[in-house]
Amino acid sequence: MTRVVTLTLNPALDRTVILDVLRPGHVHRARSTRSDAGGKGVNVAACLADWGVPVAAAGLLGQDNAGPFEALLAAKGIADRFVRIPGETRTNLKLVDGTGGDTTDINLPGLAVEAGSLAAVRAMLREAVEPGTLVVLAGSLPGGVAAPIYAEIAAELRPLGARLVLDASGPALAAALAAPAAALPFAVKPNRHELEEWAGRSLPDRADVVAAARGLVARGIPLVVVSLGAEGALFASADGTDLAHPPATRVTSTVGAGDALVAGLVAGLQAGLDRTATARLALAFAAGKLGLAGANLPARDTVLALAAAVRVEPLTASA
């Protein structure tokens, strides 16, 4: 079975606060709170584990508060490949408007990382990879880690047969997309804002997003997925482009929905599904996550029912 490894260089303890209504400048009384071990790669691994995909989670953890991460990995049967470093992993605050479900994120700085710790992570990845391994490079970078790190890791792992799935933003995304063809990721999943930031221009219409995605495919990335929030997600490859429309879903929290979409994308790739079936599964993962707190999926039958309800619209060359 194809192996999956996720990389989270800047994990976080996500403190989620549910409010009746978020009103900037006002005093609020929380409806409820919860704390989850998170970070993009951790969340992806958690959803994959719920789906039954064997997965290892790697990256950097502050040794002073590693307990919640260790408990999550153990509970979900995720192989722990994190390197511990001195200090505490950051805490992020997520304010959820209980009326509309919108989330306001306050992300704190991460740990300062020394070269030796990063070298240990890279060595672990090289040892974990074999031909066909799916490696998810996800999330922001902590202090001391330069923007080209994902491009450098891709250059190291692609010759070993790994397929890289990238979910990043800003300079880290730009550096990875500017890499030579031999070091480009297999799949990339920006949202519209991240794609606009990379392109250096607004992409207000669907046609603009499609053109930008197809440009990345032409650059040499086999699969480009652009998440569009409530509009669904665009899936572009050399043999066509689909717009996947999400099913109607009760929203408990949007926290981690993008990570669940990445997990569904990876699950589809791991199972060898075609682009359309992968799009259905990715949207089903994201929709299923919307009804749950934390990085969790509902029962398998529920996810499959959601996948069947995803409408996939093939787009023409002029779309």
Protein backbone atom coordinates (compact mmCIF):
# COMPACT_ATOMS: atom_id res chain seq x y z
CA MET A 1 0.00 0.00 0.00
CA THR A 2 1.23 3.49 -0.85
CA ARG A 3 2.72 5.20 2.16
CA VAL A 4 1.76 8.72 3.23
CA VAL A 5 3.93 11.08 5.26
CA THR A 6 2.86 14.58 6.32
CA LEU A 7 5.30 17.33 7.26
CA THR A 8 4.39 20.11 9.71
CA LEU A 9 7.31 22.42 10.46
CA ASN A 10 5.18 24.92 12.39
CA PRO A 11 2.53 22.98 14.36
CA ALA A 12 0.22 24.62 16.85
CA LEU A 13 -2.11 23.97 19.72
CA ASP A 14 -5.36 25.36 18.34
CA ARG A 15 -7.48 27.04 20.99
CA THR A 16 -10.99 27.40 19.52
CA VAL A 17 -13.44 29.79 21.18
CA ILE A 18 -17.12 29.59 20.10
CA LEU A 19 -18.97 32.92 20.42
CA ASP A 20 -22.62 33.75 19.88
CA VAL A 21 -21.59 36.56 17.53
CA LEU A 22 -18.13 38.00 16.93
CA ARG A 23 -18.26 41.82 17.25
CA PRO A 24 -14.86 43.52 16.99
CA GLY A 25 -14.21 45.98 19.81
CA HIS A 26 -16.74 44.39 22.19
CA VAL A 27 -16.44 42.19 25.26
CA HIS A 28 -17.58 38.62 24.57
CA ARG A 29 -18.67 35.69 26.71
CA ALA A 30 -17.57 32.39 25.19
CA ARG A 31 -20.22 29.79 24.47
CA SER A 32 -17.60 27.02 24.63
CA THR A 33 -13.89 26.39 24.12
CA ARG A 34 -11.69 23.49 23.08
CA SER A 35 -8.01 22.85 22.50
CA ASP A 36 -6.65 20.62 19.73
CA ALA A 37 -3.17 19.60 18.66
CA GLY A 38 -2.98 20.93 15.14
CA GLY A 39 -1.08 22.42 12.26
CA LYS A 40 -1.88 21.66 8.63
CA GLY A 41 0.08 18.43 8.29
CA VAL A 42 -1.17 17.16 11.65
CA ASN A 43 -4.77 17.83 10.63
CA VAL A 44 -4.27 16.11 7.27
CA ALA A 45 -2.77 13.07 8.98
CA ALA A 46 -5.65 12.93 11.48
CA CYS A 47 -8.29 12.87 8.73
CA LEU A 48 -6.36 10.29 6.70
CA ALA A 49 -6.11 8.07 9.77
CA ASP A 50 -9.87 8.33 10.29
CA TRP A 51 -10.30 7.14 6.69
CA GLY A 52 -8.03 4.16 7.33
CA VAL A 53 -4.97 5.35 5.40
CA PRO A 54 -1.64 4.38 7.05
CA VAL A 55 0.11 7.68 7.69
CA ALA A 56 3.14 9.07 9.50
CA ALA A 57 3.35 12.63 10.79
CA ALA A 58 6.72 14.39 10.82
CA GLY A 59 8.03 17.83 11.65
CA LEU A 60 9.14 19.80 14.69
CA LEU A 61 7.59 19.84 18.17
CA GLY A 62 8.46 21.85 21.24
CA GLN A 63 9.39 19.28 23.86
CA ASP A 64 7.83 21.28 26.71
CA ASN A 65 4.24 20.77 25.51
CA ALA A 66 4.45 17.79 23.16
CA GLY A 67 1.91 15.81 25.22
CA PRO A 68 -1.29 16.80 23.34
CA PHE A 69 0.34 15.94 20.00
CA GLU A 70 1.60 12.60 21.28
CA ALA A 71 -1.86 11.77 22.62
CA LEU A 72 -3.55 12.63 19.30
CA LEU A 73 -1.09 10.59 17.23
CA ALA A 74 -1.40 7.61 19.55
CA ALA A 75 -5.21 7.77 19.64
CA LYS A 76 -5.49 7.79 15.84
CA GLY A 77 -2.71 5.29 15.15
CA ILE A 78 -0.50 7.83 13.36
CA ALA A 79 3.21 7.01 13.31
CA ASP A 80 5.10 9.71 15.24
CA ARG A 81 8.13 10.95 13.29
CA PHE A 82 8.40 14.38 14.91
CA VAL A 83 11.75 15.78 16.02
CA ARG A 84 11.56 17.36 19.48
CA ILE A 85 13.30 20.67 20.07
CA PRO A 86 13.62 22.88 23.18
CA GLY A 87 10.72 25.16 24.04
CA GLU A 88 6.97 25.17 23.57
CA THR A 89 4.98 24.68 20.39
CA ARG A 90 2.97 27.83 19.65
CA THR A 91 -0.72 28.30 20.48
CA ASN A 92 -3.14 29.69 17.90
CA LEU A 93 -6.45 31.30 18.79
CA LYS A 94 -9.52 30.69 16.61
CA LEU A 95 -12.63 32.78 17.23
CA VAL A 96 -15.73 31.16 15.76
CA ASP A 97 -18.85 33.22 15.10
CA GLY A 98 -21.61 30.87 16.26
CA THR A 99 -24.17 32.54 14.01
CA GLY A 100 -22.49 32.27 10.63
CA GLY A 101 -19.70 29.80 11.38
CA ASP A 102 -16.98 32.19 10.17
CA THR A 103 -13.61 31.86 11.89
CA THR A 104 -11.13 34.60 12.82
CA ASP A 105 -7.60 33.24 13.24
CA ILE A 106 -4.90 34.74 15.44
CA ASN A 107 -1.70 32.82 14.72
CA LEU A 108 1.24 33.30 17.07
CA PRO A 109 4.91 32.99 16.05
CA GLY A 110 6.42 29.53 16.07
CA LEU A 111 9.57 28.15 17.61
CA ALA A 112 12.98 29.37 16.47
CA VAL A 113 14.58 26.45 14.64
CA GLU A 114 18.27 25.65 14.49
CA ALA A 115 19.92 24.13 11.43
CA GLY A 116 20.65 20.83 13.18
CA SER A 117 16.98 20.21 13.99
CA LEU A 118 15.91 20.92 10.44
CA ALA A 119 18.63 18.63 9.11
CA ALA A 120 17.31 15.85 11.35
CA VAL A 121 13.81 16.27 9.90
CA ARG A 122 15.12 16.17 6.34
CA ALA A 123 17.15 13.04 7.07
CA MET A 124 14.08 11.36 8.54
CA LEU A 125 12.07 12.18 5.42
CA ARG A 126 14.71 10.69 3.15
CA GLU A 127 14.65 7.49 5.20
CA ALA A 128 10.83 7.32 5.16
CA VAL A 129 10.41 7.75 1.42
CA GLU A 130 10.26 4.96 -1.12
CA PRO A 131 8.97 4.96 -4.71
CA GLY A 132 5.34 6.08 -4.70
CA THR A 133 5.32 7.60 -1.21
CA LEU A 134 2.97 10.58 -0.94
CA VAL A 135 4.56 13.38 1.08
CA VAL A 136 2.36 16.28 2.18
CA LEU A 137 4.29 19.52 2.76
CA ALA A 138 1.87 21.76 4.60
CA GLY A 139 1.65 25.00 6.47
CA SER A 140 3.66 28.04 7.46
CA LEU A 141 7.33 28.11 8.40
CA PRO A 142 8.76 28.82 11.85
CA GLY A 143 11.46 31.37 12.54
CA GLY A 144 14.87 30.46 11.20
CA VAL A 145 13.53 28.44 8.26
CA ALA A 146 13.99 30.07 4.86
CA ALA A 147 11.24 30.23 2.25
CA PRO A 148 12.87 27.76 -0.23
CA ILE A 149 12.68 24.86 2.26
CA TYR A 150 9.76 23.10 0.55
CA ALA A 151 11.47 23.42 -2.83
CA GLU A 152 14.67 22.00 -1.34
CA ILE A 153 12.86 19.07 0.24
CA ALA A 154 11.07 18.35 -3.03
CA ALA A 155 14.42 18.33 -4.84
CA GLU A 156 15.71 15.78 -2.31
CA LEU A 157 12.66 13.50 -2.31
CA ARG A 158 11.53 13.44 -5.93
CA PRO A 159 14.60 11.47 -7.10
CA LEU A 160 13.66 8.86 -4.46
CA GLY A 161 10.26 8.38 -6.12
CA ALA A 162 8.12 10.50 -3.79
CA ARG A 163 5.05 12.39 -4.96
CA LEU A 164 4.86 15.76 -3.21
CA VAL A 165 1.56 17.43 -2.32
CA LEU A 166 2.07 21.08 -1.35
CA ASP A 167 -0.28 23.23 0.74
CA ALA A 168 1.58 26.45 1.49
CA SER A 169 1.33 30.19 0.94
CA GLY A 170 3.38 33.31 0.48
CA PRO A 171 7.13 33.10 -0.17
CA ALA A 172 7.24 29.34 0.58
CA LEU A 173 4.65 28.67 -2.13
CA ALA A 174 6.33 31.05 -4.57
CA ALA A 175 9.73 29.40 -4.08
CA ALA A 176 8.28 25.91 -4.57
CA LEU A 177 6.48 26.93 -7.76
CA ALA A 178 9.62 28.63 -9.10
CA ALA A 179 11.70 25.46 -8.70
CA PRO A 180 13.15 23.60 -11.70
CA ALA A 181 10.79 21.12 -13.33
CA ALA A 182 12.55 18.18 -11.66
CA ALA A 183 11.73 19.62 -8.21
CA LEU A 184 8.11 20.71 -8.72
CA PRO A 185 5.41 19.14 -6.55
CA PHE A 186 3.03 16.52 -7.95
CA ALA A 187 0.02 18.44 -6.64
CA VAL A 188 -0.51 21.89 -5.17
CA LYS A 189 -3.57 23.19 -3.27
CA PRO A 190 -3.73 26.98 -2.92
CA ASN A 191 -6.92 28.80 -2.06
CA ARG A 192 -8.03 31.70 -4.25
CA HIS A 193 -6.26 34.33 -2.10
CA GLU A 194 -3.02 32.34 -2.07
CA LEU A 195 -3.20 31.87 -5.84
CA GLU A 196 -3.80 35.61 -6.29
CA GLU A 197 -0.85 36.40 -4.05
CA TRP A 198 1.37 34.09 -6.09
CA ALA A 199 0.09 35.45 -9.41
CA GLY A 200 0.51 39.05 -8.27
CA ARG A 201 -2.96 40.04 -9.46
CA SER A 202 -6.62 39.75 -8.58
CA LEU A 203 -8.50 36.72 -9.92
CA PRO A 204 -12.09 37.92 -9.56
CA ASP A 205 -13.77 35.64 -12.08
CA ARG A 206 -13.85 31.88 -12.45
CA ALA A 207 -12.13 32.17 -15.82
CA ASP A 208 -9.22 34.00 -14.17
CA VAL A 209 -8.79 31.25 -11.58
CA VAL A 210 -9.03 28.56 -14.26
CA ALA A 211 -6.39 30.28 -16.38
CA ALA A 212 -4.00 30.60 -13.44
CA ALA A 213 -4.49 26.95 -12.48
CA ARG A 214 -3.98 25.76 -16.04
CA GLY A 215 -0.83 27.88 -16.21
CA LEU A 216 0.61 25.91 -13.29
CA VAL A 217 -0.30 22.64 -14.99
CA ALA A 218 1.47 23.84 -18.14
CA ARG A 219 4.47 24.69 -15.94
CA GLY A 220 4.76 21.00 -15.05
CA ILE A 221 2.56 20.37 -11.99
CA PRO A 222 0.31 17.37 -12.77
CA LEU A 223 -2.59 18.37 -10.49
CA VAL A 224 -3.61 21.84 -9.31
CA VAL A 225 -6.47 22.18 -6.84
CA VAL A 226 -7.79 25.62 -5.93
CA SER A 227 -10.13 25.73 -2.96
CA LEU A 228 -12.90 28.32 -3.36
CA GLY A 229 -14.68 28.12 -0.02
CA ALA A 230 -18.44 27.80 -0.36
CA GLU A 231 -18.07 27.67 -4.17
CA GLY A 232 -16.21 24.34 -3.95
CA ALA A 233 -12.85 23.64 -5.55
CA LEU A 234 -11.24 23.63 -8.96
CA PHE A 235 -9.29 20.55 -10.09
CA ALA A 236 -7.01 21.04 -13.09
CA SER A 237 -4.73 18.53 -14.81
CA ALA A 238 -3.31 18.09 -18.31
CA ASP A 239 -6.37 16.18 -19.52
CA GLY A 240 -9.06 18.53 -18.24
CA THR A 241 -10.47 20.78 -15.55
CA ASP A 242 -13.39 20.18 -13.17
CA LEU A 243 -15.25 22.45 -10.79
CA ALA A 244 -16.50 20.41 -7.83
CA HIS A 245 -19.54 21.86 -6.06
CA PRO A 246 -19.91 20.96 -2.37
CA PRO A 247 -23.02 19.24 -1.01
CA ALA A 248 -25.33 21.03 1.38
CA THR A 249 -23.82 20.63 4.84
CA ARG A 250 -24.50 21.78 8.38
CA VAL A 251 -21.57 23.94 9.47
CA THR A 252 -20.31 23.52 13.02
CA SER A 253 -16.89 25.03 12.36
CA THR A 254 -14.86 25.87 9.26
CA VAL A 255 -11.63 25.29 11.21
CA GLY A 256 -9.56 22.67 9.38
CA ALA A 257 -11.91 22.29 6.40
CA GLY A 258 -9.11 23.14 3.97
CA ASP A 259 -6.87 20.56 5.62
CA ALA A 260 -9.63 17.97 5.33
CA LEU A 261 -9.87 18.77 1.62
CA VAL A 262 -6.14 18.10 1.28
CA ALA A 263 -6.60 14.82 3.16
CA GLY A 264 -9.36 13.79 0.74
CA LEU A 265 -7.13 14.74 -2.19
CA VAL A 266 -4.33 12.58 -0.80
CA ALA A 267 -6.72 9.72 -0.07
CA GLY A 268 -7.87 9.84 -3.69
CA LEU A 269 -4.29 9.82 -4.96
CA GLN A 270 -3.38 7.02 -2.58
CA ALA A 271 -6.29 4.93 -3.89
CA GLY A 272 -5.43 5.64 -7.52
CA LEU A 273 -8.73 7.42 -8.25
CA ASP A 274 -9.16 9.54 -11.36
CA ARG A 275 -9.45 13.33 -11.16
CA THR A 276 -13.24 13.43 -10.92
CA ALA A 277 -13.48 10.75 -8.24
CA THR A 278 -10.66 12.42 -6.32
CA ALA A 279 -12.56 15.72 -6.49
CA ARG A 280 -15.68 14.06 -5.07
CA LEU A 281 -13.74 12.51 -2.20
CA ALA A 282 -11.85 15.72 -1.38
CA LEU A 283 -15.06 17.76 -1.24
CA ALA A 284 -16.71 15.04 0.86
CA PHE A 285 -13.85 15.12 3.38
CA ALA A 286 -14.17 18.90 3.66
CA ALA A 287 -17.98 18.78 3.94
CA GLY A 288 -17.84 16.04 6.55
CA LYS A 289 -15.36 18.01 8.61
CA LEU A 290 -17.64 21.07 8.63
CA GLY A 291 -20.05 19.23 10.89
CA LEU A 292 -17.42 18.28 13.47
CA ALA A 293 -15.03 20.01 15.82
CA GLY A 294 -11.35 19.17 15.60
CA ALA A 295 -9.53 17.30 12.84
CA ASN A 296 -12.03 14.46 12.57
CA LEU A 297 -14.11 12.81 9.87
CA PRO A 298 -17.61 11.36 10.28
CA ALA A 299 -18.30 7.68 9.66
CA ARG A 300 -17.18 6.23 6.33
CA ASP A 301 -20.75 5.76 5.08
CA THR A 302 -21.45 9.44 5.76
CA VAL A 303 -18.38 10.51 3.78
CA LEU A 304 -19.34 8.25 0.88
CA ALA A 305 -22.87 9.68 0.86
CA LEU A 306 -21.44 13.19 0.78
CA ALA A 307 -19.13 12.20 -2.09
CA ALA A 308 -22.12 10.95 -4.07
CA ALA A 309 -23.81 14.32 -3.53
CA VAL A 310 -20.85 16.33 -4.89
CA ARG A 311 -21.64 17.75 -8.32
CA VAL A 312 -18.63 17.81 -10.63
CA GLU A 313 -18.84 20.22 -13.56
CA PRO A 314 -16.37 19.66 -16.42
CA LEU A 315 -15.07 22.99 -17.72
CA THR A 316 -14.39 23.68 -21.34
CA ALA A 317 -11.17 25.15 -22.65
CA SER A 318 -12.78 28.61 -22.67
CA ALA A 319 -14.22 28.41 -19.12
